[in-house]
């Protein structure tokens, strides 16, 4: 791979319900320094963070969108950083805390390439298709794709929002320098490895006709064919973005993450994902998210991901 890499550590965890994901980006960078893949060791680096003491996991005021004030800020910080990296003609490799940061990453791509079709490959145990109107938890890492699609999914509305939440949610959907919304279209997203979701999310998948490859699909087809079909589905897109949530992996190897789910991807599956998608000529950004060292055993989660990154170069 000949792309000049810029690592963006988006060390924000306000969208998760469990503390610790803020520490994931730096833990991954440390493991990379131990493995020493040359391309990554020479990469530029930018760290975006907020002191942990200043980040309360708050459920007051906005019970259906916890910490939405902080997330509104962090999304725009991440978007600006990604846009800078793309304008510098570098390849942003984003290490983010929780998955709500992906709203900012895709926003940065959209602001850099207005009018271009962004293909999104969401490798995750979860769909992240809730909105504040449907969420059972209020944790905003489960709303990232919905925000990017700008679809409140009101047909399955079960929560009544206060004006503050409504206003901030609308601002997040319009985040970024250009306030583009929606950032992505349903036909331009593919989910891989999804297996843990609520009924409201699956109904939105069916309503919008979004492509999902479940673990059963991957076992039947094999990961290489799954990736080939994914790239064919998104062949009309101008750019590709991959978001790799470490809980997409099976819990046997994904030990340090907040929302593990059984029946996940194998290491060999993930290795194909990294090699194929990082090196694809249309890939503009690759993101890795939801590493939580506080839930880990002997740094195994960041070490596994560092090894996967090294295998892609």
Protein backbone atom coordinates (compact mmCIF):
# COMPACT_ATOMS: atom_id res chain seq x y z
CA UNK A 1 0.00 0.00 0.00
CA UNK A 2 1.45 3.33 -1.08
CA UNK A 3 -0.92 5.72 0.70
CA UNK A 4 0.64 8.14 3.18
CA UNK A 5 -1.11 7.40 6.46
CA UNK A 6 -2.28 9.88 9.06
CA UNK A 7 -3.45 8.35 12.34
CA UNK A 8 -6.28 10.23 14.05
CA UNK A 9 -6.84 9.20 17.65
CA UNK A 10 -10.42 10.29 18.38
CA UNK A 11 -10.33 9.52 22.09
CA UNK A 12 -13.99 10.22 22.89
CA UNK A 13 -16.24 7.76 24.70
CA UNK A 14 -19.36 9.81 25.45
CA UNK A 15 -21.60 7.65 23.25
CA UNK A 16 -20.95 4.44 25.17
CA UNK A 17 -22.63 3.24 28.33
CA UNK A 18 -19.40 1.90 29.84
CA UNK A 19 -16.27 3.87 30.69
CA UNK A 20 -12.93 2.98 29.12
CA UNK A 21 -13.23 3.26 25.33
CA UNK A 22 -11.51 6.65 25.52
CA UNK A 23 -8.32 4.71 26.32
CA UNK A 24 -8.60 2.47 23.27
CA UNK A 25 -6.92 4.68 20.64
CA UNK A 26 -3.74 5.21 22.66
CA UNK A 27 -3.63 1.53 23.65
CA UNK A 28 -3.77 0.57 19.99
CA UNK A 29 -1.02 3.04 19.09
CA UNK A 30 1.20 1.57 21.83
CA UNK A 31 0.74 -1.94 20.48
CA UNK A 32 1.56 -0.75 16.97
CA UNK A 33 4.83 0.69 18.28
CA UNK A 34 5.68 -2.76 19.65
CA UNK A 35 4.93 -4.59 16.40
CA UNK A 36 6.61 -1.84 14.35
CA UNK A 37 4.96 -2.00 10.92
CA UNK A 38 7.06 0.59 9.07
CA UNK A 39 4.25 2.48 7.32
CA UNK A 40 2.41 3.13 10.58
CA UNK A 41 5.51 4.00 12.59
CA UNK A 42 6.27 6.83 10.19
CA UNK A 43 2.68 8.05 10.03
CA UNK A 44 1.64 11.51 11.15
CA UNK A 45 -0.58 11.50 14.23
CA UNK A 46 -3.24 13.79 15.65
CA UNK A 47 -4.93 13.17 18.99
CA UNK A 48 -8.38 14.51 19.83
CA UNK A 49 -9.37 14.07 23.45
CA UNK A 50 -11.08 15.50 26.48
CA UNK A 51 -10.01 14.83 30.07
CA UNK A 52 -11.98 11.93 31.49
CA UNK A 53 -12.94 13.95 34.56
CA UNK A 54 -14.82 16.36 32.30
CA UNK A 55 -16.96 13.65 30.72
CA UNK A 56 -19.83 12.63 32.99
CA UNK A 57 -21.91 9.69 31.77
CA UNK A 58 -25.06 11.72 32.25
CA UNK A 59 -28.64 10.57 31.86
CA UNK A 60 -30.19 13.78 33.13
CA UNK A 61 -31.81 16.33 30.84
CA UNK A 62 -31.46 14.21 27.69
CA UNK A 63 -32.40 10.66 28.84
CA UNK A 64 -32.82 9.33 25.29
CA UNK A 65 -29.49 10.73 24.05
CA UNK A 66 -26.90 10.59 26.82
CA UNK A 67 -24.15 13.21 26.63
CA UNK A 68 -25.52 14.60 23.38
CA UNK A 69 -23.99 18.03 24.18
CA UNK A 70 -20.49 16.52 24.25
CA UNK A 71 -21.15 14.34 21.22
CA UNK A 72 -22.31 17.33 19.20
CA UNK A 73 -18.92 18.93 19.90
CA UNK A 74 -16.81 15.81 19.35
CA UNK A 75 -18.49 14.93 16.06
CA UNK A 76 -17.50 18.29 14.64
CA UNK A 77 -13.94 18.00 16.00
CA UNK A 78 -13.52 14.59 14.34
CA UNK A 79 -15.06 15.85 11.09
CA UNK A 80 -12.64 18.77 10.91
CA UNK A 81 -9.65 16.51 11.59
CA UNK A 82 -10.66 14.00 8.91
CA UNK A 83 -11.27 16.78 6.41
CA UNK A 84 -7.82 18.25 7.10
CA UNK A 85 -6.18 14.87 6.57
CA UNK A 86 -8.01 14.31 3.29
CA UNK A 87 -7.16 17.79 2.01
CA UNK A 88 -3.51 17.01 2.84
CA UNK A 89 -3.86 13.98 0.50
CA UNK A 90 -3.18 11.55 3.33
CA UNK A 91 -5.04 8.37 4.24
CA UNK A 92 -6.85 8.87 7.57
CA UNK A 93 -6.65 5.81 9.77
CA UNK A 94 -9.04 6.66 12.60
CA UNK A 95 -8.72 5.04 16.01
CA UNK A 96 -11.86 6.09 17.85
CA UNK A 97 -13.23 5.55 21.32
CA UNK A 98 -16.88 4.68 20.81
CA UNK A 99 -18.84 4.32 17.59
CA UNK A 100 -20.59 7.69 17.80
CA UNK A 101 -17.30 9.15 16.52
CA UNK A 102 -18.07 7.62 13.13
CA UNK A 103 -20.67 10.34 12.60
CA UNK A 104 -17.79 12.79 12.59
CA UNK A 105 -15.59 10.64 10.37
CA UNK A 106 -18.20 10.31 7.62
CA UNK A 107 -19.05 13.99 8.01
CA UNK A 108 -15.40 14.84 7.32
CA UNK A 109 -15.48 12.74 4.15
CA UNK A 110 -18.72 14.38 3.01
CA UNK A 111 -17.32 17.87 3.63
CA UNK A 112 -14.15 17.00 1.71
CA UNK A 113 -15.96 15.55 -1.30
CA UNK A 114 -19.37 17.23 -1.61
CA UNK A 115 -21.54 15.60 -4.23
CA UNK A 116 -19.60 12.33 -4.15
CA UNK A 117 -21.34 9.05 -3.29
CA UNK A 118 -19.87 7.60 -0.09
CA UNK A 119 -20.05 3.83 0.24
CA UNK A 120 -20.07 2.68 3.87
CA UNK A 121 -18.97 -0.80 4.99
CA UNK A 122 -20.07 -1.21 8.61
CA UNK A 123 -18.35 -4.24 10.17
CA UNK A 124 -20.11 -4.60 13.49
CA UNK A 125 -22.11 -6.94 15.69
CA UNK A 126 -24.76 -4.20 15.83
CA UNK A 127 -26.78 -2.13 13.37
CA UNK A 128 -26.47 1.20 15.25
CA UNK A 129 -29.74 2.26 13.61
CA UNK A 130 -31.60 3.59 16.62
CA UNK A 131 -32.55 7.23 17.00
CA UNK A 132 -33.43 9.04 20.24
CA UNK A 133 -37.04 8.25 19.33
CA UNK A 134 -36.51 4.47 19.38
CA UNK A 135 -33.50 3.81 21.63
CA UNK A 136 -33.97 1.49 24.62
CA UNK A 137 -30.74 2.67 26.28
CA UNK A 138 -30.06 6.28 25.28
CA UNK A 139 -26.45 5.37 24.38
CA UNK A 140 -25.54 7.23 21.22
CA UNK A 141 -23.01 4.77 19.88
CA UNK A 142 -26.12 2.83 18.87
CA UNK A 143 -27.39 5.76 16.77
CA UNK A 144 -24.45 6.49 14.48
CA UNK A 145 -25.83 5.02 11.25
CA UNK A 146 -29.25 6.53 11.85
CA UNK A 147 -27.68 9.98 12.24
CA UNK A 148 -25.78 9.53 8.97
CA UNK A 149 -28.95 8.42 7.17
CA UNK A 150 -30.86 11.29 8.84
CA UNK A 151 -33.83 9.01 9.45
CA UNK A 152 -35.61 9.31 12.80
CA UNK A 153 -37.58 6.11 12.14
CA UNK A 154 -40.73 7.67 13.56
CA UNK A 155 -42.87 4.72 12.47
CA UNK A 156 -41.52 2.88 15.54
CA UNK A 157 -41.36 5.90 17.84
CA UNK A 158 -41.60 5.05 21.51
CA UNK A 159 -39.81 7.96 23.23
CA UNK A 160 -41.02 11.54 23.52
CA UNK A 161 -38.10 13.97 23.29
CA UNK A 162 -37.76 17.29 25.02
CA UNK A 163 -36.92 20.37 22.89
CA UNK A 164 -33.25 20.30 23.94
CA UNK A 165 -32.74 16.74 22.73
CA UNK A 166 -34.65 17.38 19.50
CA UNK A 167 -32.58 20.47 18.71
CA UNK A 168 -29.21 18.80 19.38
CA UNK A 169 -30.14 15.64 17.48
CA UNK A 170 -31.07 17.73 14.45
CA UNK A 171 -27.75 19.58 14.74
CA UNK A 172 -25.82 16.29 14.87
CA UNK A 173 -27.56 15.07 11.70
CA UNK A 174 -26.50 18.34 10.04
CA UNK A 175 -23.02 18.33 11.55
CA UNK A 176 -19.95 19.50 9.68
CA UNK A 177 -18.80 22.53 7.78
CA UNK A 178 -21.30 22.09 4.94
CA UNK A 179 -24.23 20.74 7.02
CA UNK A 180 -24.83 17.99 4.45
CA UNK A 181 -27.69 15.69 5.37
CA UNK A 182 -28.21 12.86 4.88
CA UNK A 183 -24.51 12.01 4.73
CA UNK A 184 -25.16 8.58 3.20
CA UNK A 185 -27.99 6.83 1.36
CA UNK A 186 -29.46 3.42 2.28
CA UNK A 187 -28.29 1.84 -0.98
CA UNK A 188 -24.73 2.95 -0.20
CA UNK A 189 -24.26 1.00 3.04
CA UNK A 190 -23.49 -2.67 3.70
CA UNK A 191 -23.38 -4.30 7.13
CA UNK A 192 -21.02 -7.23 7.74
CA UNK A 193 -21.17 -9.56 10.74
CA UNK A 194 -24.35 -8.09 12.24
CA UNK A 195 -26.10 -10.30 14.76
CA UNK A 196 -27.32 -8.30 17.77
CA UNK A 197 -30.08 -5.76 17.20
CA UNK A 198 -33.57 -4.70 18.25
CA UNK A 199 -36.77 -5.17 16.28
CA UNK A 200 -37.03 -1.46 15.50
CA UNK A 201 -33.62 -1.52 13.83
CA UNK A 202 -34.37 -4.58 11.72
CA UNK A 203 -37.65 -3.07 10.56
CA UNK A 204 -35.71 -0.01 9.36
CA UNK A 205 -33.28 -2.30 7.49
CA UNK A 206 -36.22 -3.91 5.72
CA UNK A 207 -38.00 -0.62 5.07
CA UNK A 208 -34.88 0.96 3.53
CA UNK A 209 -33.72 -2.28 1.84
CA UNK A 210 -30.24 -2.11 3.39
CA UNK A 211 -27.91 -5.03 2.70
CA UNK A 212 -26.82 -7.05 5.75
CA UNK A 213 -24.43 -10.01 5.76
CA UNK A 214 -25.09 -12.02 8.92
CA UNK A 215 -22.70 -14.59 10.43
CA UNK A 216 -24.73 -17.34 8.71
CA UNK A 217 -24.29 -15.59 5.36
CA UNK A 218 -20.54 -15.28 5.92
CA UNK A 219 -20.19 -18.94 6.90
CA UNK A 220 -22.11 -20.01 3.80
CA UNK A 221 -20.32 -17.72 1.35
CA UNK A 222 -16.93 -17.30 3.01
CA UNK A 223 -15.51 -13.89 3.86
CA UNK A 224 -13.77 -13.32 0.53
CA UNK A 225 -16.99 -13.81 -1.42
CA UNK A 226 -18.82 -11.63 1.11
CA UNK A 227 -16.31 -8.85 0.49
CA UNK A 228 -16.50 -9.32 -3.28
CA UNK A 229 -20.30 -9.00 -3.16
CA UNK A 230 -20.04 -5.97 -0.85
CA UNK A 231 -17.73 -4.18 -3.27
CA UNK A 232 -20.01 -5.07 -6.17
CA UNK A 233 -23.03 -3.63 -4.33
CA UNK A 234 -21.10 -0.42 -3.68
CA UNK A 235 -19.45 -0.35 -7.10
CA UNK A 236 -21.42 2.77 -8.09
CA UNK A 237 -19.96 4.73 -5.14
CA UNK A 238 -17.14 7.21 -5.66
CA UNK A 239 -15.47 6.62 -2.27
CA UNK A 240 -15.46 3.91 0.36
CA UNK A 241 -15.31 4.16 4.14
CA UNK A 242 -14.94 1.15 6.42
CA UNK A 243 -15.89 1.24 10.07
CA UNK A 244 -14.56 -1.77 11.98
CA UNK A 245 -16.06 -2.21 15.44
CA UNK A 246 -14.00 -4.73 17.37
CA UNK A 247 -17.18 -6.34 18.72
CA UNK A 248 -17.66 -7.68 15.18
CA UNK A 249 -15.08 -10.27 16.24
CA UNK A 250 -16.08 -13.34 18.20
CA UNK A 251 -15.78 -12.84 21.99
CA UNK A 252 -13.12 -15.55 22.04
CA UNK A 253 -10.75 -12.99 20.51
CA UNK A 254 -12.62 -9.73 21.22
CA UNK A 255 -12.11 -9.59 24.96
CA UNK A 256 -11.81 -5.84 25.51
CA UNK A 257 -14.97 -4.17 24.27
CA UNK A 258 -18.15 -2.91 25.88
CA UNK A 259 -20.85 -4.80 23.97
CA UNK A 260 -19.55 -8.22 22.85
CA UNK A 261 -21.89 -10.64 21.09
CA UNK A 262 -21.45 -14.36 20.40
CA UNK A 263 -20.99 -15.88 16.94
CA UNK A 264 -18.63 -13.21 15.62
CA UNK A 265 -15.93 -13.05 12.97
CA UNK A 266 -12.80 -15.16 13.20
CA UNK A 267 -9.31 -13.70 13.10
CA UNK A 268 -8.96 -15.01 9.55
CA UNK A 269 -12.19 -13.28 8.53
CA UNK A 270 -10.96 -9.99 10.00
CA UNK A 271 -7.58 -10.35 8.30
CA UNK A 272 -9.32 -10.54 4.93
CA UNK A 273 -11.38 -7.46 5.80
CA UNK A 274 -8.27 -5.45 6.69
CA UNK A 275 -6.20 -6.58 3.70
CA UNK A 276 -8.98 -6.14 1.16
CA UNK A 277 -10.55 -2.87 2.33
CA UNK A 278 -7.51 -0.91 3.52
CA UNK A 279 -5.85 -1.57 0.18
CA UNK A 280 -8.88 -0.96 -2.03
CA UNK A 281 -8.22 2.01 -4.34
CA UNK A 282 -11.56 3.66 -3.48
CA UNK A 283 -11.06 3.47 0.30
CA UNK A 284 -10.67 7.00 1.63
CA UNK A 285 -10.81 6.31 5.39
CA UNK A 286 -10.59 3.22 7.60
CA UNK A 287 -11.81 3.44 11.21
CA UNK A 288 -11.33 1.09 14.16
CA UNK A 289 -13.52 1.60 17.20
CA UNK A 290 -14.78 0.38 20.60
CA UNK A 291 -11.53 -1.00 22.08
CA UNK A 292 -11.94 -0.76 25.87
CA UNK A 293 -8.71 -1.52 27.78
CA UNK A 294 -10.54 -1.43 31.13
CA UNK A 295 -12.43 -4.56 30.06
CA UNK A 296 -9.40 -6.26 28.53
CA UNK A 297 -7.10 -9.06 29.59
CA UNK A 298 -3.36 -8.40 29.16
CA UNK A 299 -3.82 -5.90 26.28
CA UNK A 300 -5.08 -8.66 24.00
CA UNK A 301 -7.65 -6.54 22.17
CA UNK A 302 -5.34 -3.74 20.95
CA UNK A 303 -2.61 -6.31 20.26
CA UNK A 304 -4.96 -8.31 18.02
CA UNK A 305 -5.97 -5.21 16.08
CA UNK A 306 -2.35 -4.07 15.74
CA UNK A 307 -1.52 -7.46 14.26
CA UNK A 308 -4.42 -7.15 11.82
CA UNK A 309 -3.20 -3.70 10.76
CA UNK A 310 0.34 -5.01 10.27
CA UNK A 311 -1.02 -7.77 8.02
CA UNK A 312 -2.56 -5.19 5.67
CA UNK A 313 0.83 -3.67 4.72
